[in-house]
Amino acid sequence: MVRPFPIIRLRRGFFAAGLCLALSACENPWLEDAPSLETVLSKGWLFGDKVEVAPPRAAQPLYCYETIGVGDCYDQPLEDGGNRLVGFEGPAPLVDPMPAKP
């Protein structure tokens, strides 16, 4: 493969830079219709007007207990399953959950 002389590379570079400058000087006919940055950000990026979102729902209580097979989960803490409690979501039960296995 024959490499071009450095003068040809220099000419290509000047041509590319000149072309970029010439194209950047062109007037953009859509620029007047473009929204400002404040308008775009106030509308929630590009997805239109902000929509009212429902407040988050409260988490349903869930208490999961270790079993021989797959763990079981209930919506209320079990009275006799205190040492088998692996995790919970919601108000804390009277018994602490079991420590993680090593």
PDB file of N, CA and C in Angstrom:
ATOM      1  N   MET A   1       0.837  -1.170   0.000  1.00  0.00           N
ATOM      2  CA  MET A   1       0.000   0.000   0.000  1.00  0.00           C
ATOM      3  C   MET A   1       0.885   1.237   0.000  1.00  0.00           C
ATOM      4  N   VAL A   2       0.590   2.147  -0.872  1.00  0.00           N
ATOM      5  CA  VAL A   2       1.368   3.368  -0.999  1.00  0.00           C
ATOM      6  C   VAL A   2       0.744   4.442  -0.127  1.00  0.00           C
ATOM      7  N   ARG A   3       1.546   5.062   0.707  1.00  0.00           N
ATOM      8  CA  ARG A   3       1.051   6.120   1.576  1.00  0.00           C
ATOM      9  C   ARG A   3       1.101   7.448   0.832  1.00  0.00           C
ATOM     10  N   PRO A   4       0.067   8.271   0.977  1.00  0.00           N
ATOM     11  CA  PRO A   4       0.100   9.570   0.323  1.00  0.00           C
ATOM     12  C   PRO A   4       1.143  10.477   0.963  1.00  0.00           C
ATOM     13  N   PHE A   5       1.609  11.394   0.176  1.00  0.00           N
ATOM     14  CA  PHE A   5       2.606  12.335   0.679  1.00  0.00           C
ATOM     15  C   PHE A   5       1.982  13.217   1.751  1.00  0.00           C
ATOM     16  N   PRO A   6       2.796  13.747   2.653  1.00  0.00           N
ATOM     17  CA  PRO A   6       2.248  14.600   3.720  1.00  0.00           C
ATOM     18  C   PRO A   6       1.511  15.830   3.182  1.00  0.00           C
ATOM     19  N   ILE A   7       1.913  16.344   2.019  1.00  0.00           N
ATOM     20  CA  ILE A   7       1.241  17.528   1.487  1.00  0.00           C
ATOM     21  C   ILE A   7      -0.199  17.205   1.091  1.00  0.00           C
ATOM     22  N   ILE A   8      -0.437  15.963   0.631  1.00  0.00           N
ATOM     23  CA  ILE A   8      -1.794  15.560   0.264  1.00  0.00           C
ATOM     24  C   ILE A   8      -2.653  15.436   1.526  1.00  0.00           C
ATOM     25  N   ARG A   9      -2.085  14.904   2.582  1.00  0.00           N
ATOM     26  CA  ARG A   9      -2.810  14.815   3.853  1.00  0.00           C
ATOM     27  C   ARG A   9      -3.158  16.203   4.372  1.00  0.00           C
ATOM     28  N   LEU A  10      -2.223  17.126   4.238  1.00  0.00           N
ATOM     29  CA  LEU A  10      -2.448  18.485   4.686  1.00  0.00           C
ATOM     30  C   LEU A  10      -3.581  19.128   3.891  1.00  0.00           C
ATOM     31  N   ARG A  11      -3.586  18.914   2.568  1.00  0.00           N
ATOM     32  CA  ARG A  11      -4.656  19.459   1.728  1.00  0.00           C
ATOM     33  C   ARG A  11      -6.012  18.862   2.113  1.00  0.00           C
ATOM     34  N   ARG A  12      -6.042  17.557   2.389  1.00  0.00           N
ATOM     35  CA  ARG A  12      -7.293  16.912   2.800  1.00  0.00           C
ATOM     36  C   ARG A  12      -7.804  17.495   4.106  1.00  0.00           C
ATOM     37  N   GLY A  13      -6.899  17.742   5.032  1.00  0.00           N
ATOM     38  CA  GLY A  13      -7.278  18.321   6.326  1.00  0.00           C
ATOM     39  C   GLY A  13      -7.859  19.717   6.161  1.00  0.00           C
ATOM     40  N   PHE A  14      -7.199  20.559   5.333  1.00  0.00           N
ATOM     41  CA  PHE A  14      -7.717  21.907   5.084  1.00  0.00           C
ATOM     42  C   PHE A  14      -9.069  21.853   4.393  1.00  0.00           C
ATOM     43  N   PHE A  15      -9.224  20.919   3.461  1.00  0.00           N
ATOM     44  CA  PHE A  15     -10.499  20.790   2.752  1.00  0.00           C
ATOM     45  C   PHE A  15     -11.603  20.397   3.722  1.00  0.00           C
ATOM     46  N   ALA A  16     -11.327  19.431   4.608  1.00  0.00           N
ATOM     47  CA  ALA A  16     -12.331  18.982   5.572  1.00  0.00           C
ATOM     48  C   ALA A  16     -12.702  20.101   6.543  1.00  0.00           C
ATOM     49  N   ALA A  17     -11.701  20.835   7.028  1.00  0.00           N
ATOM     50  CA  ALA A  17     -11.974  21.937   7.953  1.00  0.00           C
ATOM     51  C   ALA A  17     -12.761  23.041   7.261  1.00  0.00           C
ATOM     52  N   GLY A  18     -12.397  23.363   6.019  1.00  0.00           N
ATOM     53  CA  GLY A  18     -13.121  24.388   5.264  1.00  0.00           C
ATOM     54  C   GLY A  18     -14.557  23.979   4.990  1.00  0.00           C
ATOM     55  N   LEU A  19     -14.774  22.711   4.666  1.00  0.00           N
ATOM     56  CA  LEU A  19     -16.123  22.215   4.419  1.00  0.00           C
ATOM     57  C   LEU A  19     -16.982  22.302   5.682  1.00  0.00           C
ATOM     58  N   CYS A  20     -16.405  21.945   6.814  1.00  0.00           N
ATOM     59  CA  CYS A  20     -17.142  22.041   8.081  1.00  0.00           C
ATOM     60  C   CYS A  20     -17.497  23.487   8.392  1.00  0.00           C
ATOM     61  N   LEU A  21     -16.569  24.405   8.204  1.00  0.00           N
ATOM     62  CA  LEU A  21     -16.846  25.816   8.461  1.00  0.00           C
ATOM     63  C   LEU A  21     -17.913  26.350   7.510  1.00  0.00           C
ATOM     64  N   ALA A  22     -17.851  25.952   6.247  1.00  0.00           N
ATOM     65  CA  ALA A  22     -18.818  26.433   5.263  1.00  0.00           C
ATOM     66  C   ALA A  22     -20.220  25.920   5.590  1.00  0.00           C
ATOM     67  N   LEU A  23     -20.316  24.661   5.976  1.00  0.00           N
ATOM     68  CA  LEU A  23     -21.636  24.112   6.296  1.00  0.00           C
ATOM     69  C   LEU A  23     -22.192  24.658   7.596  1.00  0.00           C
ATOM     70  N   SER A  24     -21.336  25.001   8.536  1.00  0.00           N
ATOM     71  CA  SER A  24     -21.823  25.535   9.802  1.00  0.00           C
ATOM     72  C   SER A  24     -22.313  26.973   9.650  1.00  0.00           C
ATOM     73  N   ALA A  25     -21.925  27.639   8.607  1.00  0.00           N
ATOM     74  CA  ALA A  25     -22.362  29.015   8.381  1.00  0.00           C
ATOM     75  C   ALA A  25     -23.731  29.069   7.720  1.00  0.00           C
ATOM     76  N   CYS A  26     -24.257  27.949   7.267  1.00  0.00           N
ATOM     77  CA  CYS A  26     -25.565  27.935   6.612  1.00  0.00           C
ATOM     78  C   CYS A  26     -26.652  28.255   7.635  1.00  0.00           C
ATOM     79  N   GLU A  27     -27.705  28.919   7.162  1.00  0.00           N
ATOM     80  CA  GLU A  27     -28.811  29.252   8.042  1.00  0.00           C
ATOM     81  C   GLU A  27     -29.715  28.040   8.200  1.00  0.00           C
ATOM     82  N   ASN A  28     -30.155  27.815   9.414  1.00  0.00           N
ATOM     83  CA  ASN A  28     -31.036  26.692   9.695  1.00  0.00           C
ATOM     84  C   ASN A  28     -32.473  27.198   9.678  1.00  0.00           C
ATOM     85  N   PRO A  29     -33.290  26.787   8.699  1.00  0.00           N
ATOM     86  CA  PRO A  29     -34.660  27.303   8.630  1.00  0.00           C
ATOM     87  C   PRO A  29     -35.557  26.820   9.772  1.00  0.00           C
ATOM     88  N   TRP A  30     -35.172  25.760  10.478  1.00  0.00           N
ATOM     89  CA  TRP A  30     -35.989  25.233  11.567  1.00  0.00           C
ATOM     90  C   TRP A  30     -35.602  25.821  12.914  1.00  0.00           C
ATOM     91  N   LEU A  31     -34.579  26.651  12.952  1.00  0.00           N
ATOM     92  CA  LEU A  31     -34.087  27.182  14.216  1.00  0.00           C
ATOM     93  C   LEU A  31     -35.106  28.088  14.896  1.00  0.00           C
ATOM     94  N   GLU A  32     -35.888  28.838  14.110  1.00  0.00           N
ATOM     95  CA  GLU A  32     -36.874  29.730  14.716  1.00  0.00           C
ATOM     96  C   GLU A  32     -37.980  28.941  15.413  1.00  0.00           C
ATOM     97  N   ASP A  33     -38.307  27.759  14.895  1.00  0.00           N
ATOM     98  CA  ASP A  33     -39.378  26.950  15.470  1.00  0.00           C
ATOM     99  C   ASP A  33     -38.906  26.081  16.632  1.00  0.00           C
ATOM    100  N   ALA A  34     -37.606  26.008  16.851  1.00  0.00           N
ATOM    101  CA  ALA A  34     -37.079  25.144  17.906  1.00  0.00           C
ATOM    102  C   ALA A  34     -37.410  25.734  19.275  1.00  0.00           C
ATOM    103  N   PRO A  35     -37.866  24.900  20.229  1.00  0.00           N
ATOM    104  CA  PRO A  35     -38.178  25.421  21.568  1.00  0.00           C
ATOM    105  C   PRO A  35     -36.892  25.746  22.327  1.00  0.00           C
ATOM    106  N   SER A  36     -36.999  26.641  23.269  1.00  0.00           N
ATOM    107  CA  SER A  36     -35.834  26.985  24.081  1.00  0.00           C
ATOM    108  C   SER A  36     -35.550  25.861  25.077  1.00  0.00           C
ATOM    109  N   LEU A  37     -34.379  25.913  25.671  1.00  0.00           N
ATOM    110  CA  LEU A  37     -33.991  24.891  26.641  1.00  0.00           C
ATOM    111  C   LEU A  37     -34.917  24.913  27.854  1.00  0.00           C
ATOM    112  N   GLU A  38     -35.324  26.102  28.292  1.00  0.00           N
ATOM    113  CA  GLU A  38     -36.225  26.204  29.439  1.00  0.00           C
ATOM    114  C   GLU A  38     -37.575  25.554  29.136  1.00  0.00           C
ATOM    115  N   THR A  39     -38.067  25.737  27.913  1.00  0.00           N
ATOM    116  CA  THR A  39     -39.351  25.144  27.532  1.00  0.00           C
ATOM    117  C   THR A  39     -39.258  23.621  27.537  1.00  0.00           C
ATOM    118  N   VAL A  40     -38.183  23.098  26.991  1.00  0.00           N
ATOM    119  CA  VAL A  40     -38.007  21.639  26.918  1.00  0.00           C
ATOM    120  C   VAL A  40     -37.915  21.055  28.318  1.00  0.00           C
ATOM    121  N   LEU A  41     -37.135  21.686  29.188  1.00  0.00           N
ATOM    122  CA  LEU A  41     -36.966  21.151  30.536  1.00  0.00           C
ATOM    123  C   LEU A  41     -38.228  21.306  31.377  1.00  0.00           C
ATOM    124  N   SER A  42     -38.999  22.370  31.173  1.00  0.00           N
ATOM    125  CA  SER A  42     -40.205  22.558  31.960  1.00  0.00           C
ATOM    126  C   SER A  42     -41.310  21.591  31.554  1.00  0.00           C
ATOM    127  N   LYS A  43     -41.229  21.057  30.343  1.00  0.00           N
ATOM    128  CA  LYS A  43     -42.245  20.109  29.891  1.00  0.00           C
ATOM    129  C   LYS A  43     -41.874  18.672  30.217  1.00  0.00           C
ATOM    130  N   GLY A  44     -40.866  18.462  31.004  1.00  0.00           N
ATOM    131  CA  GLY A  44     -40.510  17.099  31.361  1.00  0.00           C
ATOM    132  C   GLY A  44     -39.733  16.425  30.262  1.00  0.00           C
ATOM    133  N   TRP A  45     -38.705  17.080  29.800  1.00  0.00           N
ATOM    134  CA  TRP A  45     -37.811  16.630  28.727  1.00  0.00           C
ATOM    135  C   TRP A  45     -38.568  16.679  27.418  1.00  0.00           C
ATOM    136  N   LEU A  46     -38.664  15.650  26.656  1.00  0.00           N
ATOM    137  CA  LEU A  46     -39.314  15.720  25.352  1.00  0.00           C
ATOM    138  C   LEU A  46     -40.616  14.941  25.297  1.00  0.00           C
ATOM    139  N   PHE A  47     -41.210  14.653  26.429  1.00  0.00           N
ATOM    140  CA  PHE A  47     -42.395  13.808  26.448  1.00  0.00           C
ATOM    141  C   PHE A  47     -43.682  14.587  26.662  1.00  0.00           C
ATOM    142  N   GLY A  48     -43.679  15.853  26.382  1.00  0.00           N
ATOM    143  CA  GLY A  48     -44.895  16.636  26.509  1.00  0.00           C
ATOM    144  C   GLY A  48     -45.073  17.186  27.901  1.00  0.00           C
ATOM    145  N   ASP A  49     -46.295  17.643  28.181  1.00  0.00           N
ATOM    146  CA  ASP A  49     -46.590  18.245  29.473  1.00  0.00           C
ATOM    147  C   ASP A  49     -46.510  17.210  30.581  1.00  0.00           C
ATOM    148  N   LYS A  50     -46.193  17.696  31.771  1.00  0.00           N
ATOM    149  CA  LYS A  50     -46.115  16.795  32.922  1.00  0.00           C
ATOM    150  C   LYS A  50     -47.512  16.300  33.273  1.00  0.00           C
ATOM    151  N   VAL A  51     -47.611  15.040  33.574  1.00  0.00           N
ATOM    152  CA  VAL A  51     -48.880  14.413  33.917  1.00  0.00           C
ATOM    153  C   VAL A  51     -48.882  14.164  35.420  1.00  0.00           C
ATOM    154  N   GLU A  52     -50.018  14.432  36.036  1.00  0.00           N
ATOM    155  CA  GLU A  52     -50.132  14.181  37.466  1.00  0.00           C
ATOM    156  C   GLU A  52     -50.024  12.679  37.721  1.00  0.00           C
ATOM    157  N   VAL A  53     -49.163  12.326  38.641  1.00  0.00           N
ATOM    158  CA  VAL A  53     -48.932  10.918  38.965  1.00  0.00           C
ATOM    159  C   VAL A  53     -49.603  10.624  40.294  1.00  0.00           C
ATOM    160  N   ALA A  54     -50.231   9.474  40.369  1.00  0.00           N
ATOM    161  CA  ALA A  54     -50.895   9.074  41.610  1.00  0.00           C
ATOM    162  C   ALA A  54     -49.848   8.878  42.703  1.00  0.00           C
ATOM    163  N   PRO A  55     -50.169   9.236  43.935  1.00  0.00           N
ATOM    164  CA  PRO A  55     -49.192   9.036  45.013  1.00  0.00           C
ATOM    165  C   PRO A  55     -48.910   7.553  45.203  1.00  0.00           C
ATOM    166  N   PRO A  56     -47.716   7.222  45.659  1.00  0.00           N
ATOM    167  CA  PRO A  56     -47.394   5.804  45.846  1.00  0.00           C
ATOM    168  C   PRO A  56     -48.281   5.161  46.906  1.00  0.00           C
ATOM    169  N   ARG A  57     -48.634   3.926  46.641  1.00  0.00           N
ATOM    170  CA  ARG A  57     -49.474   3.197  47.590  1.00  0.00           C
ATOM    171  C   ARG A  57     -48.627   2.675  48.742  1.00  0.00           C
ATOM    172  N   ALA A  58     -49.255   2.541  49.875  1.00  0.00           N
ATOM    173  CA  ALA A  58     -48.563   1.968  51.029  1.00  0.00           C
ATOM    174  C   ALA A  58     -48.298   0.485  50.764  1.00  0.00           C
ATOM    175  N   ALA A  59     -47.152   0.020  51.202  1.00  0.00           N
ATOM    176  CA  ALA A  59     -46.786  -1.379  50.987  1.00  0.00           C
ATOM    177  C   ALA A  59     -47.672  -2.286  51.833  1.00  0.00           C
ATOM    178  N   GLN A  60     -48.097  -3.377  51.227  1.00  0.00           N
ATOM    179  CA  GLN A  60     -48.884  -4.364  51.961  1.00  0.00           C
ATOM    180  C   GLN A  60     -47.933  -5.113  52.890  1.00  0.00           C
ATOM    181  N   PRO A  61     -48.326  -5.350  54.139  1.00  0.00           N
ATOM    182  CA  PRO A  61     -47.458  -6.103  55.037  1.00  0.00           C
ATOM    183  C   PRO A  61     -47.232  -7.519  54.505  1.00  0.00           C
ATOM    184  N   LEU A  62     -46.016  -7.993  54.634  1.00  0.00           N
ATOM    185  CA  LEU A  62     -45.659  -9.320  54.152  1.00  0.00           C
ATOM    186  C   LEU A  62     -44.607  -9.903  55.084  1.00  0.00           C
ATOM    187  N   TYR A  63     -44.848 -11.103  55.557  1.00  0.00           N
ATOM    188  CA  TYR A  63     -43.935 -11.772  56.474  1.00  0.00           C
ATOM    189  C   TYR A  63     -43.581 -13.127  55.873  1.00  0.00           C
ATOM    190  N   CYS A  64     -42.295 -13.357  55.622  1.00  0.00           N
ATOM    191  CA  CYS A  64     -41.851 -14.597  54.975  1.00  0.00           C
ATOM    192  C   CYS A  64     -41.121 -15.476  55.982  1.00  0.00           C
ATOM    193  N   TYR A  65     -41.449 -16.758  55.930  1.00  0.00           N
ATOM    194  CA  TYR A  65     -40.890 -17.730  56.873  1.00  0.00           C
ATOM    195  C   TYR A  65     -40.178 -18.832  56.118  1.00  0.00           C
ATOM    196  N   GLU A  66     -39.095 -19.336  56.724  1.00  0.00           N
ATOM    197  CA  GLU A  66     -38.324 -20.432  56.142  1.00  0.00           C
ATOM    198  C   GLU A  66     -39.073 -21.747  56.360  1.00  0.00           C
ATOM    199  N   THR A  67     -39.113 -22.574  55.311  1.00  0.00           N
ATOM    200  CA  THR A  67     -39.724 -23.899  55.409  1.00  0.00           C
ATOM    201  C   THR A  67     -38.742 -24.908  54.827  1.00  0.00           C
ATOM    202  N   ILE A  68     -39.160 -26.180  54.806  1.00  0.00           N
ATOM    203  CA  ILE A  68     -38.307 -27.217  54.224  1.00  0.00           C
ATOM    204  C   ILE A  68     -38.143 -26.989  52.729  1.00  0.00           C
ATOM    205  N   GLY A  69     -39.205 -26.600  52.075  1.00  0.00           N
ATOM    206  CA  GLY A  69     -39.159 -26.349  50.632  1.00  0.00           C
ATOM    207  C   GLY A  69     -38.997 -24.869  50.350  1.00  0.00           C
ATOM    208  N   VAL A  70     -39.919 -24.353  49.568  1.00  0.00           N
ATOM    209  CA  VAL A  70     -39.919 -22.933  49.222  1.00  0.00           C
ATOM    210  C   VAL A  70     -40.505 -22.152  50.389  1.00  0.00           C
ATOM    211  N   GLY A  71     -39.981 -20.966  50.664  1.00  0.00           N
ATOM    212  CA  GLY A  71     -40.470 -20.161  51.775  1.00  0.00           C
ATOM    213  C   GLY A  71     -41.925 -19.769  51.607  1.00  0.00           C
ATOM    214  N   ASP A  72     -42.615 -19.597  52.722  1.00  0.00           N
ATOM    215  CA  ASP A  72     -44.015 -19.185  52.717  1.00  0.00           C
ATOM    216  C   ASP A  72     -44.105 -17.747  53.209  1.00  0.00           C
ATOM    217  N   CYS A  73     -45.016 -16.979  52.590  1.00  0.00           N
ATOM    218  CA  CYS A  73     -45.213 -15.591  52.995  1.00  0.00           C
ATOM    219  C   CYS A  73     -46.679 -15.380  53.364  1.00  0.00           C
ATOM    220  N   TYR A  74     -46.900 -14.576  54.394  1.00  0.00           N
ATOM    221  CA  TYR A  74     -48.245 -14.299  54.899  1.00  0.00           C
ATOM    222  C   TYR A  74     -48.412 -12.793  55.080  1.00  0.00           C
ATOM    223  N   ASP A  75     -49.673 -12.367  55.164  1.00  0.00           N
ATOM    224  CA  ASP A  75     -49.917 -10.940  55.344  1.00  0.00           C
ATOM    225  C   ASP A  75     -49.954 -10.544  56.824  1.00  0.00           C
ATOM    226  N   GLN A  76     -49.890 -11.525  57.726  1.00  0.00           N
ATOM    227  CA  GLN A  76     -49.801 -11.249  59.159  1.00  0.00           C
ATOM    228  C   GLN A  76     -48.716 -12.142  59.741  1.00  0.00           C
ATOM    229  N   PRO A  77     -48.012 -11.675  60.770  1.00  0.00           N
ATOM    230  CA  PRO A  77     -46.978 -12.534  61.358  1.00  0.00           C
ATOM    231  C   PRO A  77     -47.595 -13.741  62.068  1.00  0.00           C
ATOM    232  N   LEU A  78     -46.919 -14.878  61.941  1.00  0.00           N
ATOM    233  CA  LEU A  78     -47.388 -16.099  62.609  1.00  0.00           C
ATOM    234  C   LEU A  78     -46.993 -16.051  64.081  1.00  0.00           C
ATOM    235  N   GLU A  79     -47.849 -16.573  64.922  1.00  0.00           N
ATOM    236  CA  GLU A  79     -47.571 -16.558  66.358  1.00  0.00           C
ATOM    237  C   GLU A  79     -46.455 -17.537  66.721  1.00  0.00           C
ATOM    238  N   ASP A  80     -46.415 -18.703  66.043  1.00  0.00           N
ATOM    239  CA  ASP A  80     -45.441 -19.730  66.418  1.00  0.00           C
ATOM    240  C   ASP A  80     -44.253 -19.801  65.465  1.00  0.00           C
ATOM    241  N   GLY A  81     -44.086 -18.857  64.564  1.00  0.00           N
ATOM    242  CA  GLY A  81     -43.008 -18.958  63.581  1.00  0.00           C
ATOM    243  C   GLY A  81     -41.917 -17.938  63.762  1.00  0.00           C
ATOM    244  N   GLY A  82     -41.730 -17.460  64.983  1.00  0.00           N
ATOM    245  CA  GLY A  82     -40.765 -16.387  65.231  1.00  0.00           C
ATOM    246  C   GLY A  82     -39.342 -16.706  64.837  1.00  0.00           C
ATOM    247  N   ASN A  83     -38.865 -17.925  65.137  1.00  0.00           N
ATOM    248  CA  ASN A  83     -37.478 -18.243  64.815  1.00  0.00           C
ATOM    249  C   ASN A  83     -37.294 -18.636  63.350  1.00  0.00           C
ATOM    250  N   ARG A  84     -38.400 -18.775  62.598  1.00  0.00           N
ATOM    251  CA  ARG A  84     -38.293 -19.106  61.179  1.00  0.00           C
ATOM    252  C   ARG A  84     -38.460 -17.877  60.284  1.00  0.00           C
ATOM    253  N   LEU A  85     -38.719 -16.710  60.865  1.00  0.00           N
ATOM    254  CA  LEU A  85     -38.929 -15.481  60.095  1.00  0.00           C
ATOM    255  C   LEU A  85     -37.647 -15.106  59.369  1.00  0.00           C
ATOM    256  N   VAL A  86     -37.734 -14.994  58.045  1.00  0.00           N
ATOM    257  CA  VAL A  86     -36.550 -14.662  57.246  1.00  0.00           C
ATOM    258  C   VAL A  86     -36.554 -13.195  56.835  1.00  0.00           C
ATOM    259  N   GLY A  87     -37.710 -12.611  56.651  1.00  0.00           N
ATOM    260  CA  GLY A  87     -37.790 -11.210  56.257  1.00  0.00           C
ATOM    261  C   GLY A  87     -39.225 -10.729  56.316  1.00  0.00           C
ATOM    262  N   PHE A  88     -39.378  -9.417  56.316  1.00  0.00           N
ATOM    263  CA  PHE A  88     -40.728  -8.857  56.371  1.00  0.00           C
ATOM    264  C   PHE A  88     -40.749  -7.509  55.675  1.00  0.00           C
ATOM    265  N   GLU A  89     -41.940  -7.095  55.288  1.00  0.00           N
ATOM    266  CA  GLU A  89     -42.195  -5.794  54.690  1.00  0.00           C
ATOM    267  C   GLU A  89     -43.400  -5.228  55.412  1.00  0.00           C
ATOM    268  N   GLY A  90     -43.286  -4.057  55.973  1.00  0.00           N
ATOM    269  CA  GLY A  90     -44.375  -3.469  56.724  1.00  0.00           C
ATOM    270  C   GLY A  90     -43.984  -3.305  58.177  1.00  0.00           C
ATOM    271  N   PRO A  91     -44.976  -3.242  59.081  1.00  0.00           N
ATOM    272  CA  PRO A  91     -44.646  -3.056  60.493  1.00  0.00           C
ATOM    273  C   PRO A  91     -43.851  -4.238  61.040  1.00  0.00           C
ATOM    274  N   ALA A  92     -42.895  -3.929  61.876  1.00  0.00           N
ATOM    275  CA  ALA A  92     -42.024  -4.972  62.418  1.00  0.00           C
ATOM    276  C   ALA A  92     -42.798  -5.895  63.346  1.00  0.00           C
ATOM    277  N   PRO A  93     -42.591  -7.207  63.223  1.00  0.00           N
ATOM    278  CA  PRO A  93     -43.234  -8.145  64.156  1.00  0.00           C
ATOM    279  C   PRO A  93     -42.552  -8.084  65.520  1.00  0.00           C
ATOM    280  N   LEU A  94     -43.139  -8.747  66.488  1.00  0.00           N
ATOM    281  CA  LEU A  94     -42.560  -8.734  67.837  1.00  0.00           C
ATOM    282  C   LEU A  94     -41.270  -9.531  67.904  1.00  0.00           C
ATOM    283  N   VAL A  95     -41.024 -10.448  66.963  1.00  0.00           N
ATOM    284  CA  VAL A  95     -39.845 -11.299  66.967  1.00  0.00           C
ATOM    285  C   VAL A  95     -38.874 -10.812  65.891  1.00  0.00           C
ATOM    286  N   ASP A  96     -37.579 -10.797  66.207  1.00  0.00           N
ATOM    287  CA  ASP A  96     -36.571 -10.399  65.215  1.00  0.00           C
ATOM    288  C   ASP A  96     -36.420 -11.482  64.154  1.00  0.00           C
ATOM    289  N   PRO A  97     -36.096 -11.084  62.905  1.00  0.00           N
ATOM    290  CA  PRO A  97     -35.877 -12.114  61.883  1.00  0.00           C
ATOM    291  C   PRO A  97     -34.620 -12.927  62.163  1.00  0.00           C
ATOM    292  N   MET A  98     -34.597 -14.103  61.555  1.00  0.00           N
ATOM    293  CA  MET A  98     -33.479 -15.022  61.728  1.00  0.00           C
ATOM    294  C   MET A  98     -32.223 -14.418  61.096  1.00  0.00           C
ATOM    295  N   PRO A  99     -31.035 -14.564  61.699  1.00  0.00           N
ATOM    296  CA  PRO A  99     -29.811 -14.026  61.090  1.00  0.00           C
ATOM    297  C   PRO A  99     -29.497 -14.776  59.793  1.00  0.00           C
ATOM    298  N   ALA A 100     -28.785 -14.115  58.899  1.00  0.00           N
ATOM    299  CA  ALA A 100     -28.419 -14.720  57.607  1.00  0.00           C
ATOM    300  C   ALA A 100     -27.528 -15.929  57.821  1.00  0.00           C
ATOM    301  N   LYS A 101     -27.694 -16.919  56.951  1.00  0.00           N
ATOM    302  CA  LYS A 101     -26.877 -18.123  57.051  1.00  0.00           C
ATOM    303  C   LYS A 101     -25.475 -17.838  56.524  1.00  0.00           C
ATOM    304  N   PRO A 102     -24.453 -18.418  57.152  1.00  0.00           N
ATOM    305  CA  PRO A 102     -23.085 -18.202  56.655  1.00  0.00           C
ATOM    306  C   PRO A 102     -22.802 -18.944  55.390  1.00  0.00           C
TER     307      PRO A 102
END
